[in-house]
Amino acid sequence: MKLFICSKCQDVVKCASVTRTCECGASWGKYLDDLNAIYGGKAIPLGFDNYSLCFAIQHQPQVGLGKQFTAFVTPKKCPTFKKIT
């Protein structure tokens, strides 16, 4: 799953097939197809490992700490998530 965080307002936004912007409007991103996405403005690209997220959801505890999953800052040069200037 591709997301971005705005370095100005700290809003985290999930990419979709339509362009989405952060709360302050300084960052944007969108999917081009099922795999490839673009982003721009003040956005910093993020990713969730889909498998570990689904596993964490399926094993959500009743109490205590939540189930962890893998999230990461996407590299600046990524073939499937490109910055548009």
N, C-alpha and C. Protein backbone atom coordinates (compact mmCIF):
# COMPACT_ATOMS: atom_id res chain seq x y z
N MET A 1 0.84 -1.16 0.00
CA MET A 1 0.00 0.00 0.00
C MET A 1 0.90 1.24 0.00
N LYS A 2 0.59 2.17 -0.87
CA LYS A 2 1.38 3.40 -0.97
C LYS A 2 0.64 4.55 -0.30
N LEU A 3 1.39 5.29 0.50
CA LEU A 3 0.86 6.45 1.21
C LEU A 3 1.90 7.55 1.13
N PHE A 4 1.54 8.73 1.59
CA PHE A 4 2.53 9.79 1.74
C PHE A 4 2.20 10.59 2.99
N ILE A 5 3.24 11.21 3.54
CA ILE A 5 3.08 12.11 4.68
C ILE A 5 3.52 13.49 4.21
N CYS A 6 2.76 14.49 4.56
CA CYS A 6 3.11 15.86 4.19
C CYS A 6 4.13 16.39 5.20
N SER A 7 5.26 16.87 4.70
CA SER A 7 6.29 17.40 5.60
C SER A 7 5.88 18.75 6.19
N LYS A 8 4.82 19.35 5.68
CA LYS A 8 4.35 20.63 6.21
C LYS A 8 3.30 20.45 7.31
N CYS A 9 2.24 19.66 7.04
CA CYS A 9 1.14 19.52 8.02
C CYS A 9 1.12 18.17 8.73
N GLN A 10 2.00 17.25 8.34
CA GLN A 10 2.11 15.91 8.93
C GLN A 10 0.90 15.01 8.68
N ASP A 11 0.03 15.37 7.74
CA ASP A 11 -1.11 14.55 7.38
C ASP A 11 -0.61 13.32 6.62
N VAL A 12 -1.14 12.13 6.92
CA VAL A 12 -0.81 10.90 6.21
C VAL A 12 -2.00 10.55 5.33
N VAL A 13 -1.72 10.32 4.03
CA VAL A 13 -2.79 10.09 3.06
C VAL A 13 -2.49 8.84 2.25
N LYS A 14 -3.50 7.99 2.07
CA LYS A 14 -3.38 6.79 1.24
C LYS A 14 -3.61 7.17 -0.21
N CYS A 15 -2.75 6.69 -1.09
CA CYS A 15 -2.95 6.94 -2.52
C CYS A 15 -4.16 6.18 -3.03
N ALA A 16 -4.81 6.73 -4.04
CA ALA A 16 -5.97 6.11 -4.68
C ALA A 16 -5.88 6.38 -6.18
N SER A 17 -6.87 5.94 -6.93
CA SER A 17 -6.86 6.13 -8.38
C SER A 17 -7.13 7.58 -8.77
N VAL A 18 -7.62 8.37 -7.84
CA VAL A 18 -7.80 9.81 -8.05
C VAL A 18 -6.76 10.54 -7.21
N THR A 19 -6.38 11.72 -7.64
CA THR A 19 -5.38 12.49 -6.89
C THR A 19 -5.94 12.87 -5.53
N ARG A 20 -5.17 12.59 -4.49
CA ARG A 20 -5.53 12.99 -3.13
C ARG A 20 -4.49 13.96 -2.61
N THR A 21 -4.95 14.91 -1.82
CA THR A 21 -4.05 15.88 -1.23
C THR A 21 -4.13 15.80 0.28
N CYS A 22 -3.10 16.35 0.91
CA CYS A 22 -3.08 16.41 2.36
C CYS A 22 -4.02 17.53 2.83
N GLU A 23 -4.14 17.66 4.13
CA GLU A 23 -5.04 18.64 4.72
C GLU A 23 -4.69 20.08 4.33
N CYS A 24 -3.40 20.41 4.26
CA CYS A 24 -3.01 21.78 3.94
C CYS A 24 -2.88 22.03 2.44
N GLY A 25 -2.91 20.96 1.63
CA GLY A 25 -2.83 21.10 0.18
C GLY A 25 -1.43 21.17 -0.39
N ALA A 26 -0.40 21.04 0.44
CA ALA A 26 0.98 21.15 -0.02
C ALA A 26 1.52 19.86 -0.63
N SER A 27 0.83 18.72 -0.43
CA SER A 27 1.30 17.42 -0.91
C SER A 27 0.18 16.69 -1.62
N TRP A 28 0.55 15.84 -2.58
CA TRP A 28 -0.46 15.08 -3.32
C TRP A 28 0.14 13.75 -3.79
N GLY A 29 -0.74 12.82 -4.14
CA GLY A 29 -0.32 11.54 -4.69
C GLY A 29 -1.48 10.81 -5.32
N LYS A 30 -1.17 9.85 -6.20
CA LYS A 30 -2.21 9.03 -6.83
C LYS A 30 -1.61 7.80 -7.49
N TYR A 31 -2.40 6.73 -7.57
CA TYR A 31 -2.02 5.53 -8.30
C TYR A 31 -2.25 5.77 -9.79
N LEU A 32 -1.32 5.27 -10.61
CA LEU A 32 -1.49 5.28 -12.06
C LEU A 32 -2.12 3.98 -12.54
N ASP A 33 -1.83 2.90 -11.81
CA ASP A 33 -2.40 1.58 -12.06
C ASP A 33 -2.29 0.79 -10.76
N ASP A 34 -2.43 -0.52 -10.80
CA ASP A 34 -2.42 -1.32 -9.56
C ASP A 34 -1.09 -1.28 -8.81
N LEU A 35 0.00 -0.95 -9.47
CA LEU A 35 1.32 -0.99 -8.84
C LEU A 35 2.01 0.37 -8.77
N ASN A 36 1.88 1.16 -9.81
CA ASN A 36 2.64 2.40 -9.95
C ASN A 36 1.87 3.62 -9.46
N ALA A 37 2.60 4.52 -8.77
CA ALA A 37 1.99 5.74 -8.25
C ALA A 37 2.97 6.90 -8.40
N ILE A 38 2.41 8.10 -8.32
CA ILE A 38 3.21 9.32 -8.36
C ILE A 38 2.84 10.19 -7.17
N TYR A 39 3.75 11.10 -6.80
CA TYR A 39 3.49 12.03 -5.70
C TYR A 39 4.25 13.31 -5.95
N GLY A 40 3.88 14.37 -5.23
CA GLY A 40 4.58 15.63 -5.43
C GLY A 40 4.34 16.60 -4.29
N GLY A 41 4.87 17.80 -4.47
CA GLY A 41 4.77 18.82 -3.44
C GLY A 41 5.69 18.49 -2.27
N LYS A 42 5.18 18.64 -1.07
CA LYS A 42 5.94 18.40 0.16
C LYS A 42 5.84 16.95 0.65
N ALA A 43 5.33 16.05 -0.21
CA ALA A 43 5.08 14.66 0.18
C ALA A 43 6.37 13.87 0.39
N ILE A 44 6.35 13.02 1.40
CA ILE A 44 7.39 12.02 1.64
C ILE A 44 6.71 10.67 1.47
N PRO A 45 7.20 9.82 0.56
CA PRO A 45 6.51 8.56 0.27
C PRO A 45 6.66 7.53 1.38
N LEU A 46 5.57 6.84 1.67
CA LEU A 46 5.53 5.79 2.69
C LEU A 46 4.95 4.52 2.09
N GLY A 47 5.21 3.41 2.74
CA GLY A 47 4.60 2.15 2.32
C GLY A 47 4.25 1.29 3.52
N PHE A 48 3.20 0.50 3.35
CA PHE A 48 2.83 -0.54 4.32
C PHE A 48 3.04 -1.86 3.61
N ASP A 49 3.62 -2.82 4.31
CA ASP A 49 3.69 -4.18 3.79
C ASP A 49 2.29 -4.78 3.91
N ASN A 50 1.64 -5.01 2.78
CA ASN A 50 0.25 -5.46 2.78
C ASN A 50 0.05 -6.76 3.56
N TYR A 51 0.98 -7.72 3.39
CA TYR A 51 0.85 -9.01 4.07
C TYR A 51 0.88 -8.82 5.59
N SER A 52 1.87 -8.06 6.08
CA SER A 52 1.98 -7.91 7.53
C SER A 52 0.82 -7.09 8.09
N LEU A 53 0.30 -6.13 7.32
CA LEU A 53 -0.87 -5.36 7.76
C LEU A 53 -2.09 -6.27 7.88
N CYS A 54 -2.33 -7.09 6.88
CA CYS A 54 -3.48 -8.03 6.93
C CYS A 54 -3.33 -9.02 8.09
N PHE A 55 -2.11 -9.51 8.31
CA PHE A 55 -1.86 -10.43 9.42
C PHE A 55 -2.16 -9.75 10.76
N ALA A 56 -1.70 -8.50 10.90
CA ALA A 56 -1.95 -7.75 12.15
C ALA A 56 -3.44 -7.52 12.37
N ILE A 57 -4.17 -7.23 11.31
CA ILE A 57 -5.62 -7.03 11.43
C ILE A 57 -6.29 -8.33 11.86
N GLN A 58 -5.89 -9.44 11.26
CA GLN A 58 -6.49 -10.74 11.59
C GLN A 58 -6.16 -11.18 13.01
N HIS A 59 -5.06 -10.68 13.56
CA HIS A 59 -4.63 -11.09 14.91
C HIS A 59 -4.70 -9.93 15.91
N GLN A 60 -5.62 -9.04 15.68
CA GLN A 60 -5.79 -7.89 16.57
C GLN A 60 -6.12 -8.36 17.98
N PRO A 61 -5.33 -7.96 18.97
CA PRO A 61 -5.58 -8.41 20.34
C PRO A 61 -6.80 -7.72 20.95
N GLN A 62 -7.40 -8.36 21.92
CA GLN A 62 -8.54 -7.78 22.64
C GLN A 62 -8.10 -6.65 23.56
N VAL A 63 -6.92 -6.81 24.17
CA VAL A 63 -6.40 -5.82 25.12
C VAL A 63 -4.89 -5.70 24.93
N GLY A 64 -4.30 -4.75 25.62
CA GLY A 64 -2.84 -4.61 25.60
C GLY A 64 -2.37 -3.85 24.38
N LEU A 65 -1.12 -4.07 24.02
CA LEU A 65 -0.54 -3.40 22.86
C LEU A 65 -1.15 -3.95 21.57
N GLY A 66 -1.23 -3.11 20.58
CA GLY A 66 -1.73 -3.55 19.28
C GLY A 66 -0.73 -4.44 18.58
N LYS A 67 -1.18 -5.14 17.56
CA LYS A 67 -0.32 -6.02 16.77
C LYS A 67 0.49 -5.16 15.80
N GLN A 68 1.79 -5.33 15.80
CA GLN A 68 2.66 -4.54 14.92
C GLN A 68 2.62 -5.06 13.50
N PHE A 69 2.89 -4.17 12.55
CA PHE A 69 3.04 -4.54 11.15
C PHE A 69 4.18 -3.70 10.57
N THR A 70 4.60 -4.01 9.35
CA THR A 70 5.74 -3.34 8.75
C THR A 70 5.31 -2.12 7.93
N ALA A 71 5.87 -0.99 8.28
CA ALA A 71 5.71 0.24 7.52
C ALA A 71 7.11 0.77 7.24
N PHE A 72 7.26 1.55 6.16
CA PHE A 72 8.59 2.02 5.78
C PHE A 72 8.51 3.32 4.99
N VAL A 73 9.59 4.08 5.03
CA VAL A 73 9.75 5.24 4.17
C VAL A 73 10.31 4.73 2.85
N THR A 74 9.61 5.01 1.78
CA THR A 74 10.01 4.54 0.46
C THR A 74 11.27 5.28 0.00
N PRO A 75 12.21 4.60 -0.66
CA PRO A 75 13.41 5.28 -1.14
C PRO A 75 13.08 6.44 -2.09
N LYS A 76 13.95 7.43 -2.14
CA LYS A 76 13.74 8.57 -3.03
C LYS A 76 13.69 8.13 -4.49
N LYS A 77 14.48 7.11 -4.84
CA LYS A 77 14.45 6.56 -6.20
C LYS A 77 13.80 5.20 -6.14
N CYS A 78 12.52 5.16 -6.47
CA CYS A 78 11.73 3.93 -6.45
C CYS A 78 11.02 3.80 -7.78
N PRO A 79 11.18 2.68 -8.48
CA PRO A 79 10.57 2.55 -9.82
C PRO A 79 9.04 2.53 -9.82
N THR A 80 8.42 2.23 -8.68
CA THR A 80 6.95 2.15 -8.66
C THR A 80 6.27 3.31 -7.92
N PHE A 81 7.06 4.23 -7.38
CA PHE A 81 6.49 5.38 -6.65
C PHE A 81 7.40 6.57 -6.93
N LYS A 82 7.05 7.35 -7.94
CA LYS A 82 7.95 8.40 -8.45
C LYS A 82 7.48 9.80 -8.07
N LYS A 83 8.47 10.64 -7.74
CA LYS A 83 8.18 12.03 -7.42
C LYS A 83 8.09 12.82 -8.73
N ILE A 84 7.04 13.62 -8.84
CA ILE A 84 6.84 14.50 -9.97
C ILE A 84 7.13 15.92 -9.51
N THR A 85 8.02 16.61 -10.19
CA THR A 85 8.37 17.97 -9.77
C THR A 85 7.76 19.01 -10.67
